[in-house]
Amino acid sequence: MTSHSNNNPESPLRHLPASPIVLLMGPTGAGKSAAAVALAHDLQTEIVSVDSSLVYRGLDIGAAKPNRSVRERIPHHLIDILDPAQSYSAGQFVRDAEQAIASIRARGRVPLLVGGTMLYFHALLNGLSELPEADPELRHELDGRLAERGSAELHVELARVDPEAAARIHPNDPQRIQRALEVFYLTGLPITALQVERRRPLAGQRTLKIVMSPGRRSDLHRRIELRFGAMMAAGFLDEVRVLRSRPDLTATTPSMRAVGYRQLWAHLDGEFGLDEAIRRGIVATRRLAKRQLTWLRTVSEAHWIDADVDTAVEQIGGWLKAAVDAEGS
């Protein structure tokens, strides 16, 4: 976590410590990071990453991590806080985010929560009592592993990541074993923890919820394809190769389940060629964006704006000023 200051004497929020917490959400490829950086320049904000991949050191290119020069100029939190061999859950994220928000507000600045991990936003807004929907791609992979290795071996894997669930589920109950593993690999959180009703961390706090609209689906798909190509050109495959060389990382390590990483890892394992890995990575990213948009449409009282940086900065600044004026009137 960085701890720099964003001293911008022109900021319209300089004397507005009562401003709400800003949640800048949107599907992958919508331009959230660029908008967040522009906002941090123009407003008195510090960025809190809401991304399950950015917490890991070494996941840089494939996770579209802000470069170090940007992070030296603008305060960022919850980036590079873990080794990729470690697990990170939605519950841990909530605790870390609450701490970051409190420290930002204590400095009289605006917490700007930015990212695309909808489970994390859901955890902050609604708690963690609901389980994620089944993921077809992950379910297909688990079916293949069940057929190849058997339920007893999958049960051993479950015992490693969720001992409490493994103690409750019989080794000969493949359906429940697969579901528990699926939940863990989708969320990073044991199913037993998700099944416990949790408090709503942002309940009672003023929030400004912004969704960056990707425009037409075809435009978003094109941006996703171009971005994946740019990542490959920047050395994404070499990044995965370095991670794969570590003896403490495997294809089933939660950090390596991230979109793009798991497809390139499978290519390096010899499962298919590079062109196929790239195609699968792009398709998986598009599916992720579709799931993100499905969840975002359920968010109440959210402002949807076009994916344009200048427009976003102007609109969000106006909404923040209006929110603070309303509070003071």
C-alpha atoms as a PDB file:
ATOM      1  CA  MET A   1       0.000   0.000   0.000  1.00  0.00           C
ATOM      2  CA  THR A   2       1.323   3.413  -0.915  1.00  0.00           C
ATOM      3  CA  SER A   3       1.010   6.407   1.333  1.00  0.00           C
ATOM      4  CA  HIS A   4       1.762   9.392  -0.879  1.00  0.00           C
ATOM      5  CA  SER A   5      -0.146  12.670  -0.820  1.00  0.00           C
ATOM      6  CA  ASN A   6      -2.132  14.177  -3.676  1.00  0.00           C
ATOM      7  CA  ASN A   7      -1.552  17.902  -3.189  1.00  0.00           C
ATOM      8  CA  ASN A   8      -3.702  19.626  -5.783  1.00  0.00           C
ATOM      9  CA  PRO A   9      -4.416  23.254  -4.802  1.00  0.00           C
ATOM     10  CA  GLU A  10      -6.980  23.548  -7.611  1.00  0.00           C
ATOM     11  CA  SER A  11      -9.126  20.711  -6.273  1.00  0.00           C
ATOM     12  CA  PRO A  12     -12.806  21.706  -5.847  1.00  0.00           C
ATOM     13  CA  LEU A  13     -12.984  19.171  -2.997  1.00  0.00           C
ATOM     14  CA  ARG A  14     -10.042  20.544  -1.088  1.00  0.00           C
ATOM     15  CA  HIS A  15     -12.249  21.822   1.720  1.00  0.00           C
ATOM     16  CA  LEU A  16     -14.945  19.166   1.456  1.00  0.00           C
ATOM     17  CA  PRO A  17     -13.957  16.373   3.862  1.00  0.00           C
ATOM     18  CA  ALA A  18     -17.601  15.306   4.194  1.00  0.00           C
ATOM     19  CA  SER A  19     -17.731  14.156   0.567  1.00  0.00           C
ATOM     20  CA  PRO A  20     -19.071  10.634  -0.029  1.00  0.00           C
ATOM     21  CA  ILE A  21     -17.141   7.491  -0.850  1.00  0.00           C
ATOM     22  CA  VAL A  22     -16.971   7.129  -4.641  1.00  0.00           C
ATOM     23  CA  LEU A  23     -17.397   3.694  -6.227  1.00  0.00           C
ATOM     24  CA  LEU A  24     -16.211   3.727  -9.846  1.00  0.00           C
ATOM     25  CA  MET A  25     -17.371   0.464 -11.389  1.00  0.00           C
ATOM     26  CA  GLY A  26     -17.577  -1.021 -14.859  1.00  0.00           C
ATOM     27  CA  PRO A  27     -16.722  -4.048 -16.978  1.00  0.00           C
ATOM     28  CA  THR A  28     -13.168  -4.885 -17.909  1.00  0.00           C
ATOM     29  CA  GLY A  29     -11.961  -2.698 -20.759  1.00  0.00           C
ATOM     30  CA  ALA A  30     -14.363   0.186 -20.053  1.00  0.00           C
ATOM     31  CA  GLY A  31     -11.620   2.666 -19.128  1.00  0.00           C
ATOM     32  CA  LYS A  32     -12.055   2.823 -15.336  1.00  0.00           C
ATOM     33  CA  SER A  33      -8.349   3.100 -14.547  1.00  0.00           C
ATOM     34  CA  ALA A  34      -7.769   6.021 -16.907  1.00  0.00           C
ATOM     35  CA  ALA A  35     -10.777   7.843 -15.505  1.00  0.00           C
ATOM     36  CA  ALA A  36      -9.614   7.204 -11.937  1.00  0.00           C
ATOM     37  CA  VAL A  37      -6.169   8.643 -12.638  1.00  0.00           C
ATOM     38  CA  ALA A  38      -7.712  11.729 -14.254  1.00  0.00           C
ATOM     39  CA  LEU A  39     -10.023  12.151 -11.277  1.00  0.00           C
ATOM     40  CA  ALA A  40      -7.112  11.887  -8.876  1.00  0.00           C
ATOM     41  CA  HIS A  41      -5.388  14.708 -10.747  1.00  0.00           C
ATOM     42  CA  ASP A  42      -8.446  16.980 -10.688  1.00  0.00           C
ATOM     43  CA  LEU A  43     -10.023  16.048  -7.350  1.00  0.00           C
ATOM     44  CA  GLN A  44      -8.709  15.396  -3.877  1.00  0.00           C
ATOM     45  CA  THR A  45      -8.875  11.603  -4.096  1.00  0.00           C
ATOM     46  CA  GLU A  46      -6.885   8.500  -3.257  1.00  0.00           C
ATOM     47  CA  ILE A  47      -7.526   5.312  -5.192  1.00  0.00           C
ATOM     48  CA  VAL A  48      -8.503   2.041  -3.546  1.00  0.00           C
ATOM     49  CA  SER A  49      -8.166  -0.875  -5.966  1.00  0.00           C
ATOM     50  CA  VAL A  50     -11.157  -3.222  -6.093  1.00  0.00           C
ATOM     51  CA  ASP A  51      -9.443  -5.939  -8.108  1.00  0.00           C
ATOM     52  CA  SER A  52      -8.658  -9.506  -7.085  1.00  0.00           C
ATOM     53  CA  SER A  53      -5.563  -9.694  -9.309  1.00  0.00           C
ATOM     54  CA  LEU A  54      -3.933  -6.358  -8.508  1.00  0.00           C
ATOM     55  CA  VAL A  55      -3.358  -7.418  -4.899  1.00  0.00           C
ATOM     56  CA  TYR A  56      -0.662  -9.832  -6.142  1.00  0.00           C
ATOM     57  CA  ARG A  57       2.946  -8.899  -6.795  1.00  0.00           C
ATOM     58  CA  GLY A  58       4.124 -10.129 -10.185  1.00  0.00           C
ATOM     59  CA  LEU A  59       0.693 -10.006 -11.824  1.00  0.00           C
ATOM     60  CA  ASP A  60       1.376  -6.827 -13.730  1.00  0.00           C
ATOM     61  CA  ILE A  61       0.835  -6.980 -17.487  1.00  0.00           C
ATOM     62  CA  GLY A  62      -2.076  -9.419 -17.525  1.00  0.00           C
ATOM     63  CA  ALA A  63      -3.806  -7.606 -14.678  1.00  0.00           C
ATOM     64  CA  ALA A  64      -3.391  -4.170 -16.337  1.00  0.00           C
ATOM     65  CA  LYS A  65      -1.727  -2.893 -13.181  1.00  0.00           C
ATOM     66  CA  PRO A  66      -1.035   0.866 -13.074  1.00  0.00           C
ATOM     67  CA  ASN A  67       2.648   1.418 -13.681  1.00  0.00           C
ATOM     68  CA  ARG A  68       4.967   2.495 -10.918  1.00  0.00           C
ATOM     69  CA  SER A  69       5.303   6.095 -12.124  1.00  0.00           C
ATOM     70  CA  VAL A  70       1.526   6.560 -11.914  1.00  0.00           C
ATOM     71  CA  ARG A  71       1.446   5.008  -8.450  1.00  0.00           C
ATOM     72  CA  GLU A  72       4.263   7.279  -7.291  1.00  0.00           C
ATOM     73  CA  ARG A  73       2.285  10.354  -8.371  1.00  0.00           C
ATOM     74  CA  ILE A  74      -1.157   9.232  -7.196  1.00  0.00           C
ATOM     75  CA  PRO A  75      -1.951   7.348  -3.980  1.00  0.00           C
ATOM     76  CA  HIS A  76      -3.062   3.761  -4.630  1.00  0.00           C
ATOM     77  CA  HIS A  77      -4.130   1.231  -2.001  1.00  0.00           C
ATOM     78  CA  LEU A  78      -4.475  -2.588  -2.064  1.00  0.00           C
ATOM     79  CA  ILE A  79      -2.020  -3.118  -4.911  1.00  0.00           C
ATOM     80  CA  ASP A  80       0.987  -5.466  -4.569  1.00  0.00           C
ATOM     81  CA  ILE A  81       0.098  -6.429  -1.006  1.00  0.00           C
ATOM     82  CA  LEU A  82       0.428 -10.221  -1.392  1.00  0.00           C
ATOM     83  CA  ASP A  83       2.652 -12.866  -2.917  1.00  0.00           C
ATOM     84  CA  PRO A  84       0.766 -14.857  -5.598  1.00  0.00           C
ATOM     85  CA  ALA A  85       1.206 -18.054  -3.580  1.00  0.00           C
ATOM     86  CA  GLN A  86      -1.040 -16.563  -0.887  1.00  0.00           C
ATOM     87  CA  SER A  87      -4.827 -16.675  -0.884  1.00  0.00           C
ATOM     88  CA  TYR A  88      -6.974 -13.565  -0.627  1.00  0.00           C
ATOM     89  CA  SER A  89     -10.676 -13.563   0.117  1.00  0.00           C
ATOM     90  CA  ALA A  90     -13.550 -11.138  -0.213  1.00  0.00           C
ATOM     91  CA  GLY A  91     -13.682 -10.997   3.568  1.00  0.00           C
ATOM     92  CA  GLN A  92     -10.030  -9.968   3.732  1.00  0.00           C
ATOM     93  CA  PHE A  93     -10.645  -7.372   1.049  1.00  0.00           C
ATOM     94  CA  VAL A  94     -13.482  -5.829   3.064  1.00  0.00           C
ATOM     95  CA  ARG A  95     -11.259  -5.475   6.118  1.00  0.00           C
ATOM     96  CA  ASP A  96      -8.398  -3.975   4.095  1.00  0.00           C
ATOM     97  CA  ALA A  97     -10.726  -1.624   2.192  1.00  0.00           C
ATOM     98  CA  GLU A  98     -12.362  -0.367   5.387  1.00  0.00           C
ATOM     99  CA  GLN A  99      -8.954   0.422   6.829  1.00  0.00           C
ATOM    100  CA  ALA A 100      -7.880   2.231   3.643  1.00  0.00           C
ATOM    101  CA  ILE A 101     -11.123   4.230   3.497  1.00  0.00           C
ATOM    102  CA  ALA A 102     -10.772   5.302   7.122  1.00  0.00           C
ATOM    103  CA  SER A 103      -7.181   6.462   6.632  1.00  0.00           C
ATOM    104  CA  ILE A 104      -8.074   8.400   3.476  1.00  0.00           C
ATOM    105  CA  ARG A 105     -10.988  10.154   5.131  1.00  0.00           C
ATOM    106  CA  ALA A 106      -8.830  10.972   8.154  1.00  0.00           C
ATOM    107  CA  ARG A 107      -6.602  12.916   5.758  1.00  0.00           C
ATOM    108  CA  GLY A 108      -9.633  14.858   4.490  1.00  0.00           C
ATOM    109  CA  ARG A 109      -9.502  13.231   1.072  1.00  0.00           C
ATOM    110  CA  VAL A 110     -12.040  11.339  -1.018  1.00  0.00           C
ATOM    111  CA  PRO A 111     -11.831   7.515  -1.172  1.00  0.00           C
ATOM    112  CA  LEU A 112     -12.173   6.490  -4.831  1.00  0.00           C
ATOM    113  CA  LEU A 113     -12.840   2.760  -5.082  1.00  0.00           C
ATOM    114  CA  VAL A 114     -12.054   1.541  -8.590  1.00  0.00           C
ATOM    115  CA  GLY A 115     -12.115  -1.906 -10.145  1.00  0.00           C
ATOM    116  CA  GLY A 116     -13.983  -4.756 -11.753  1.00  0.00           C
ATOM    117  CA  THR A 117     -14.174  -7.456  -9.081  1.00  0.00           C
ATOM    118  CA  MET A 118     -17.909  -7.320  -8.545  1.00  0.00           C
ATOM    119  CA  LEU A 119     -17.825  -9.764  -5.645  1.00  0.00           C
ATOM    120  CA  TYR A 120     -15.748  -7.218  -3.714  1.00  0.00           C
ATOM    121  CA  PHE A 121     -18.168  -4.381  -4.491  1.00  0.00           C
ATOM    122  CA  HIS A 122     -21.032  -6.693  -3.548  1.00  0.00           C
ATOM    123  CA  ALA A 123     -19.328  -7.529  -0.263  1.00  0.00           C
ATOM    124  CA  LEU A 124     -18.986  -3.838   0.583  1.00  0.00           C
ATOM    125  CA  LEU A 125     -22.534  -2.892  -0.406  1.00  0.00           C
ATOM    126  CA  ASN A 126     -24.550  -5.989   0.479  1.00  0.00           C
ATOM    127  CA  GLY A 127     -22.474  -8.322   2.635  1.00  0.00           C
ATOM    128  CA  LEU A 128     -21.374 -11.829   1.716  1.00  0.00           C
ATOM    129  CA  SER A 129     -24.323 -14.092   2.362  1.00  0.00           C
ATOM    130  CA  GLU A 130     -25.022 -14.976  -1.293  1.00  0.00           C
ATOM    131  CA  LEU A 131     -23.111 -17.607  -3.261  1.00  0.00           C
ATOM    132  CA  PRO A 132     -21.870 -16.894  -6.797  1.00  0.00           C
ATOM    133  CA  GLU A 133     -23.605 -18.447  -9.777  1.00  0.00           C
ATOM    134  CA  ALA A 134     -22.017 -21.441 -11.485  1.00  0.00           C
ATOM    135  CA  ASP A 135     -19.260 -20.628 -13.966  1.00  0.00           C
ATOM    136  CA  PRO A 136     -19.587 -22.836 -17.100  1.00  0.00           C
ATOM    137  CA  GLU A 137     -15.884 -22.776 -17.968  1.00  0.00           C
ATOM    138  CA  LEU A 138     -14.736 -23.615 -14.456  1.00  0.00           C
ATOM    139  CA  ARG A 139     -17.463 -26.245 -14.055  1.00  0.00           C
ATOM    140  CA  HIS A 140     -16.323 -27.922 -17.300  1.00  0.00           C
ATOM    141  CA  GLU A 141     -12.745 -28.020 -16.010  1.00  0.00           C
ATOM    142  CA  LEU A 142     -13.841 -29.500 -12.674  1.00  0.00           C
ATOM    143  CA  ASP A 143     -15.890 -32.134 -14.500  1.00  0.00           C
ATOM    144  CA  GLY A 144     -12.785 -33.119 -16.444  1.00  0.00           C
ATOM    145  CA  ARG A 145     -10.663 -33.336 -13.332  1.00  0.00           C
ATOM    146  CA  LEU A 146     -13.348 -35.414 -11.610  1.00  0.00           C
ATOM    147  CA  ALA A 147     -13.411 -37.878 -14.501  1.00  0.00           C
ATOM    148  CA  GLU A 148      -9.620 -38.098 -14.567  1.00  0.00           C
ATOM    149  CA  ARG A 149      -8.769 -38.096 -10.844  1.00  0.00           C
ATOM    150  CA  GLY A 150     -11.936 -39.150  -9.009  1.00  0.00           C
ATOM    151  CA  SER A 151     -13.880 -37.482  -6.197  1.00  0.00           C
ATOM    152  CA  ALA A 152     -11.539 -38.642  -3.432  1.00  0.00           C
ATOM    153  CA  GLU A 153      -8.632 -36.707  -4.907  1.00  0.00           C
ATOM    154  CA  LEU A 154     -10.791 -33.601  -5.403  1.00  0.00           C
ATOM    155  CA  HIS A 155     -11.827 -33.971  -1.771  1.00  0.00           C
ATOM    156  CA  VAL A 156      -8.152 -33.798  -0.761  1.00  0.00           C
ATOM    157  CA  GLU A 157      -7.872 -30.564  -2.752  1.00  0.00           C
ATOM    158  CA  LEU A 158     -10.954 -29.208  -1.000  1.00  0.00           C
ATOM    159  CA  ALA A 159      -9.456 -30.067   2.387  1.00  0.00           C
ATOM    160  CA  ARG A 160      -6.449 -27.918   1.494  1.00  0.00           C
ATOM    161  CA  VAL A 161      -8.447 -24.789   0.601  1.00  0.00           C
ATOM    162  CA  ASP A 162     -11.542 -25.214   2.810  1.00  0.00           C
ATOM    163  CA  PRO A 163     -10.996 -27.708   5.657  1.00  0.00           C
ATOM    164  CA  GLU A 164     -14.348 -26.946   7.267  1.00  0.00           C
ATOM    165  CA  ALA A 165     -16.289 -27.766   4.092  1.00  0.00           C
ATOM    166  CA  ALA A 166     -14.213 -30.917   3.542  1.00  0.00           C
ATOM    167  CA  ALA A 167     -15.092 -32.079   7.055  1.00  0.00           C
ATOM    168  CA  ARG A 168     -18.805 -31.706   6.262  1.00  0.00           C
ATOM    169  CA  ILE A 169     -18.759 -33.203   2.747  1.00  0.00           C
ATOM    170  CA  HIS A 170     -18.222 -36.937   2.173  1.00  0.00           C
ATOM    171  CA  PRO A 171     -15.390 -37.874  -0.244  1.00  0.00           C
ATOM    172  CA  ASN A 172     -17.964 -39.763  -2.333  1.00  0.00           C
ATOM    173  CA  ASP A 173     -20.185 -36.712  -2.847  1.00  0.00           C
ATOM    174  CA  PRO A 174     -18.689 -35.254  -6.057  1.00  0.00           C
ATOM    175  CA  GLN A 175     -21.451 -32.707  -6.681  1.00  0.00           C
ATOM    176  CA  ARG A 176     -20.984 -30.912  -3.365  1.00  0.00           C
ATOM    177  CA  ILE A 177     -17.187 -31.194  -3.590  1.00  0.00           C
ATOM    178  CA  GLN A 178     -17.222 -29.566  -7.025  1.00  0.00           C
ATOM    179  CA  ARG A 179     -19.536 -26.786  -5.874  1.00  0.00           C
ATOM    180  CA  ALA A 180     -17.365 -25.995  -2.852  1.00  0.00           C
ATOM    181  CA  LEU A 181     -14.243 -25.902  -5.053  1.00  0.00           C
ATOM    182  CA  GLU A 182     -16.035 -23.791  -7.647  1.00  0.00           C
ATOM    183  CA  VAL A 183     -17.055 -21.224  -5.036  1.00  0.00           C
ATOM    184  CA  PHE A 184     -13.524 -21.032  -3.677  1.00  0.00           C
ATOM    185  CA  TYR A 185     -11.873 -20.599  -7.070  1.00  0.00           C
ATOM    186  CA  LEU A 186     -14.436 -17.997  -8.143  1.00  0.00           C
ATOM    187  CA  THR A 187     -14.263 -15.931  -4.969  1.00  0.00           C
ATOM    188  CA  GLY A 188     -11.134 -16.859  -3.036  1.00  0.00           C
ATOM    189  CA  LEU A 189     -13.432 -17.395  -0.053  1.00  0.00           C
ATOM    190  CA  PRO A 190     -14.429 -20.760   1.480  1.00  0.00           C
ATOM    191  CA  ILE A 191     -18.070 -21.657   0.908  1.00  0.00           C
ATOM    192  CA  THR A 192     -18.508 -22.007   4.660  1.00  0.00           C
ATOM    193  CA  ALA A 193     -17.622 -18.337   5.117  1.00  0.00           C
ATOM    194  CA  LEU A 194     -19.946 -17.207   2.320  1.00  0.00           C
ATOM    195  CA  GLN A 195     -22.834 -19.093   3.876  1.00  0.00           C
ATOM    196  CA  VAL A 196     -22.627 -16.969   7.035  1.00  0.00           C
ATOM    197  CA  GLU A 197     -24.682 -13.779   7.052  1.00  0.00           C
ATOM    198  CA  ARG A 198     -22.403 -10.742   7.155  1.00  0.00           C
ATOM    199  CA  ARG A 199     -22.863  -7.068   7.907  1.00  0.00           C
ATOM    200  CA  ARG A 200     -22.952  -4.461   5.140  1.00  0.00           C
ATOM    201  CA  PRO A 201     -19.699  -2.498   5.547  1.00  0.00           C
ATOM    202  CA  LEU A 202     -20.892   0.656   3.771  1.00  0.00           C
ATOM    203  CA  ALA A 203     -24.335   0.721   5.389  1.00  0.00           C
ATOM    204  CA  GLY A 204     -25.031   4.161   6.796  1.00  0.00           C
ATOM    205  CA  GLN A 205     -22.212   5.802   4.827  1.00  0.00           C
ATOM    206  CA  ARG A 206     -22.829   8.128   1.907  1.00  0.00           C
ATOM    207  CA  THR A 207     -21.704   6.640  -1.372  1.00  0.00           C
ATOM    208  CA  LEU A 208     -21.624   7.861  -4.940  1.00  0.00           C
ATOM    209  CA  LYS A 209     -21.951   4.892  -7.276  1.00  0.00           C
ATOM    210  CA  ILE A 210     -20.695   5.411 -10.826  1.00  0.00           C
ATOM    211  CA  VAL A 211     -20.797   2.860 -13.651  1.00  0.00           C
ATOM    212  CA  MET A 212     -18.597   3.398 -16.711  1.00  0.00           C
ATOM    213  CA  SER A 213     -20.786   2.342 -19.630  1.00  0.00           C
ATOM    214  CA  PRO A 214     -18.932   0.402 -22.332  1.00  0.00           C
ATOM    215  CA  GLY A 215     -21.297   1.552 -25.084  1.00  0.00           C
ATOM    216  CA  ARG A 216     -22.161  -1.010 -27.742  1.00  0.00           C
ATOM    217  CA  ARG A 217     -21.206  -4.616 -27.068  1.00  0.00           C
ATOM    218  CA  SER A 218     -19.244  -4.755 -30.312  1.00  0.00           C
ATOM    219  CA  ASP A 219     -17.154  -1.761 -29.220  1.00  0.00           C
ATOM    220  CA  LEU A 220     -16.380  -3.376 -25.865  1.00  0.00           C
ATOM    221  CA  HIS A 221     -15.431  -6.646 -27.545  1.00  0.00           C
ATOM    222  CA  ARG A 222     -13.098  -4.806 -29.868  1.00  0.00           C
ATOM    223  CA  ARG A 223     -11.440  -2.964 -26.976  1.00  0.00           C
ATOM    224  CA  ILE A 224     -10.993  -6.244 -25.116  1.00  0.00           C
ATOM    225  CA  GLU A 225      -9.358  -7.844 -28.156  1.00  0.00           C
ATOM    226  CA  LEU A 226      -7.037  -4.889 -28.696  1.00  0.00           C
ATOM    227  CA  ARG A 227      -6.107  -4.758 -25.022  1.00  0.00           C
ATOM    228  CA  PHE A 228      -5.287  -8.468 -24.917  1.00  0.00           C
ATOM    229  CA  GLY A 229      -3.121  -8.038 -28.009  1.00  0.00           C
ATOM    230  CA  ALA A 230      -1.319  -5.117 -26.380  1.00  0.00           C
ATOM    231  CA  MET A 231      -0.685  -7.228 -23.276  1.00  0.00           C
ATOM    232  CA  MET A 232       0.828  -9.984 -25.381  1.00  0.00           C
ATOM    233  CA  ALA A 233       3.051  -7.471 -27.156  1.00  0.00           C
ATOM    234  CA  ALA A 234       4.150  -6.116 -23.765  1.00  0.00           C
ATOM    235  CA  GLY A 235       5.356  -9.544 -22.598  1.00  0.00           C
ATOM    236  CA  PHE A 236       2.329 -11.183 -20.983  1.00  0.00           C
ATOM    237  CA  LEU A 237       3.461 -14.695 -21.975  1.00  0.00           C
ATOM    238  CA  ASP A 238       6.893 -14.158 -20.414  1.00  0.00           C
ATOM    239  CA  GLU A 239       5.196 -12.899 -17.250  1.00  0.00           C
ATOM    240  CA  VAL A 240       3.194 -16.136 -17.007  1.00  0.00           C
ATOM    241  CA  ARG A 241       6.296 -18.178 -17.822  1.00  0.00           C
ATOM    242  CA  VAL A 242       8.135 -16.626 -14.863  1.00  0.00           C
ATOM    243  CA  LEU A 243       5.213 -17.320 -12.531  1.00  0.00           C
ATOM    244  CA  ARG A 244       4.923 -20.887 -13.806  1.00  0.00           C
ATOM    245  CA  SER A 245       8.608 -21.509 -13.044  1.00  0.00           C
ATOM    246  CA  ARG A 246       7.922 -21.060  -9.333  1.00  0.00           C
ATOM    247  CA  PRO A 247       7.592 -24.390  -7.487  1.00  0.00           C
ATOM    248  CA  ASP A 248       5.011 -22.950  -5.094  1.00  0.00           C
ATOM    249  CA  LEU A 249       2.550 -22.002  -7.852  1.00  0.00           C
ATOM    250  CA  THR A 250       0.325 -24.373  -9.827  1.00  0.00           C
ATOM    251  CA  ALA A 251      -2.495 -24.019 -12.334  1.00  0.00           C
ATOM    252  CA  THR A 252      -4.979 -24.336  -9.449  1.00  0.00           C
ATOM    253  CA  THR A 253      -3.433 -21.643  -7.235  1.00  0.00           C
ATOM    254  CA  PRO A 254      -6.179 -18.995  -6.847  1.00  0.00           C
ATOM    255  CA  SER A 255      -4.047 -16.159  -8.243  1.00  0.00           C
ATOM    256  CA  MET A 256      -3.319 -18.205 -11.359  1.00  0.00           C
ATOM    257  CA  ARG A 257      -7.029 -18.723 -12.021  1.00  0.00           C
ATOM    258  CA  ALA A 258      -7.303 -15.121 -13.249  1.00  0.00           C
ATOM    259  CA  VAL A 259      -8.580 -14.628 -16.786  1.00  0.00           C
ATOM    260  CA  GLY A 260      -5.714 -14.660 -19.267  1.00  0.00           C
ATOM    261  CA  TYR A 261      -3.266 -16.200 -16.829  1.00  0.00           C
ATOM    262  CA  ARG A 262      -4.980 -19.586 -16.766  1.00  0.00           C
ATOM    263  CA  GLN A 263      -5.231 -19.747 -20.588  1.00  0.00           C
ATOM    264  CA  LEU A 264      -1.550 -18.912 -21.109  1.00  0.00           C
ATOM    265  CA  TRP A 265      -0.546 -21.311 -18.322  1.00  0.00           C
ATOM    266  CA  ALA A 266      -2.469 -24.094 -20.100  1.00  0.00           C
ATOM    267  CA  HIS A 267      -0.635 -23.233 -23.326  1.00  0.00           C
ATOM    268  CA  LEU A 268       2.714 -23.495 -21.550  1.00  0.00           C
ATOM    269  CA  ASP A 269       1.550 -26.866 -20.200  1.00  0.00           C
ATOM    270  CA  GLY A 270       1.146 -27.974 -23.812  1.00  0.00           C
ATOM    271  CA  GLU A 271      -2.648 -28.209 -23.801  1.00  0.00           C
ATOM    272  CA  PHE A 272      -3.035 -26.058 -26.944  1.00  0.00           C
ATOM    273  CA  GLY A 273      -1.133 -23.624 -29.155  1.00  0.00           C
ATOM    274  CA  LEU A 274      -0.519 -19.946 -28.464  1.00  0.00           C
ATOM    275  CA  ASP A 275      -3.104 -18.693 -30.955  1.00  0.00           C
ATOM    276  CA  GLU A 276      -5.735 -20.862 -29.288  1.00  0.00           C
ATOM    277  CA  ALA A 277      -4.666 -19.641 -25.856  1.00  0.00           C
ATOM    278  CA  ILE A 278      -5.057 -16.033 -26.984  1.00  0.00           C
ATOM    279  CA  ARG A 279      -8.459 -16.796 -28.510  1.00  0.00           C
ATOM    280  CA  ARG A 280      -9.601 -18.473 -25.289  1.00  0.00           C
ATOM    281  CA  GLY A 281      -8.262 -15.608 -23.206  1.00  0.00           C
ATOM    282  CA  ILE A 282     -10.213 -13.055 -25.244  1.00  0.00           C
ATOM    283  CA  VAL A 283     -13.395 -15.155 -25.095  1.00  0.00           C
ATOM    284  CA  ALA A 284     -13.018 -15.599 -21.327  1.00  0.00           C
ATOM    285  CA  THR A 285     -12.519 -11.837 -20.902  1.00  0.00           C
ATOM    286  CA  ARG A 286     -15.671 -11.127 -22.910  1.00  0.00           C
ATOM    287  CA  ARG A 287     -17.608 -13.571 -20.749  1.00  0.00           C
ATOM    288  CA  LEU A 288     -16.241 -11.877 -17.647  1.00  0.00           C
ATOM    289  CA  ALA A 289     -17.394  -8.491 -18.956  1.00  0.00           C
ATOM    290  CA  LYS A 290     -20.867  -9.923 -19.588  1.00  0.00           C
ATOM    291  CA  ARG A 291     -21.092 -11.224 -16.013  1.00  0.00           C
ATOM    292  CA  GLN A 292     -19.866  -7.884 -14.679  1.00  0.00           C
ATOM    293  CA  LEU A 293     -22.526  -5.984 -16.624  1.00  0.00           C
ATOM    294  CA  THR A 294     -25.234  -8.377 -15.451  1.00  0.00           C
ATOM    295  CA  TRP A 295     -24.337  -7.615 -11.828  1.00  0.00           C
ATOM    296  CA  LEU A 296     -23.910  -3.884 -12.407  1.00  0.00           C
ATOM    297  CA  ARG A 297     -27.479  -3.625 -13.702  1.00  0.00           C
ATOM    298  CA  THR A 298     -28.664  -4.726 -10.258  1.00  0.00           C
ATOM    299  CA  VAL A 299     -26.886  -1.880  -8.437  1.00  0.00           C
ATOM    300  CA  SER A 300     -29.420   0.608  -7.132  1.00  0.00           C
ATOM    301  CA  GLU A 301     -28.975   4.386  -7.354  1.00  0.00           C
ATOM    302  CA  ALA A 302     -25.997   4.136  -9.687  1.00  0.00           C
ATOM    303  CA  HIS A 303     -25.100   6.849 -12.201  1.00  0.00           C
ATOM    304  CA  TRP A 304     -24.244   5.397 -15.629  1.00  0.00           C
ATOM    305  CA  ILE A 305     -21.859   7.488 -17.702  1.00  0.00           C
ATOM    306  CA  ASP A 306     -20.177   7.099 -21.067  1.00  0.00           C
ATOM    307  CA  ALA A 307     -16.675   5.676 -21.088  1.00  0.00           C
ATOM    308  CA  ASP A 308     -15.071   9.056 -21.736  1.00  0.00           C
ATOM    309  CA  VAL A 309     -12.424  10.313 -19.338  1.00  0.00           C
ATOM    310  CA  ASP A 310     -13.101  14.051 -19.659  1.00  0.00           C
ATOM    311  CA  THR A 311     -16.851  13.570 -19.308  1.00  0.00           C
ATOM    312  CA  ALA A 312     -16.382  11.292 -16.304  1.00  0.00           C
ATOM    313  CA  VAL A 313     -14.195  13.781 -14.444  1.00  0.00           C
ATOM    314  CA  GLU A 314     -16.587  16.663 -15.050  1.00  0.00           C
ATOM    315  CA  GLN A 315     -19.724  14.711 -14.121  1.00  0.00           C
ATOM    316  CA  ILE A 316     -18.306  13.022 -11.032  1.00  0.00           C
ATOM    317  CA  GLY A 317     -16.861  16.294  -9.759  1.00  0.00           C
ATOM    318  CA  GLY A 318     -20.269  17.937 -10.151  1.00  0.00           C
ATOM    319  CA  TRP A 319     -22.054  15.096  -8.359  1.00  0.00           C
ATOM    320  CA  LEU A 320     -19.591  15.201  -5.474  1.00  0.00           C
ATOM    321  CA  LYS A 321     -19.975  18.958  -5.075  1.00  0.00           C
ATOM    322  CA  ALA A 322     -23.768  18.630  -5.144  1.00  0.00           C
ATOM    323  CA  ALA A 323     -23.678  15.798  -2.563  1.00  0.00           C
ATOM    324  CA  VAL A 324     -21.579  17.872  -0.164  1.00  0.00           C
ATOM    325  CA  ASP A 325     -23.731  20.985  -0.673  1.00  0.00           C
ATOM    326  CA  ALA A 326     -26.857  18.933   0.058  1.00  0.00           C
ATOM    327  CA  GLU A 327     -25.288  17.580   3.249  1.00  0.00           C
ATOM    328  CA  GLY A 328     -24.415  21.054   4.461  1.00  0.00           C
ATOM    329  CA  SER A 329     -27.774  22.647   3.687  1.00  0.00           C
END
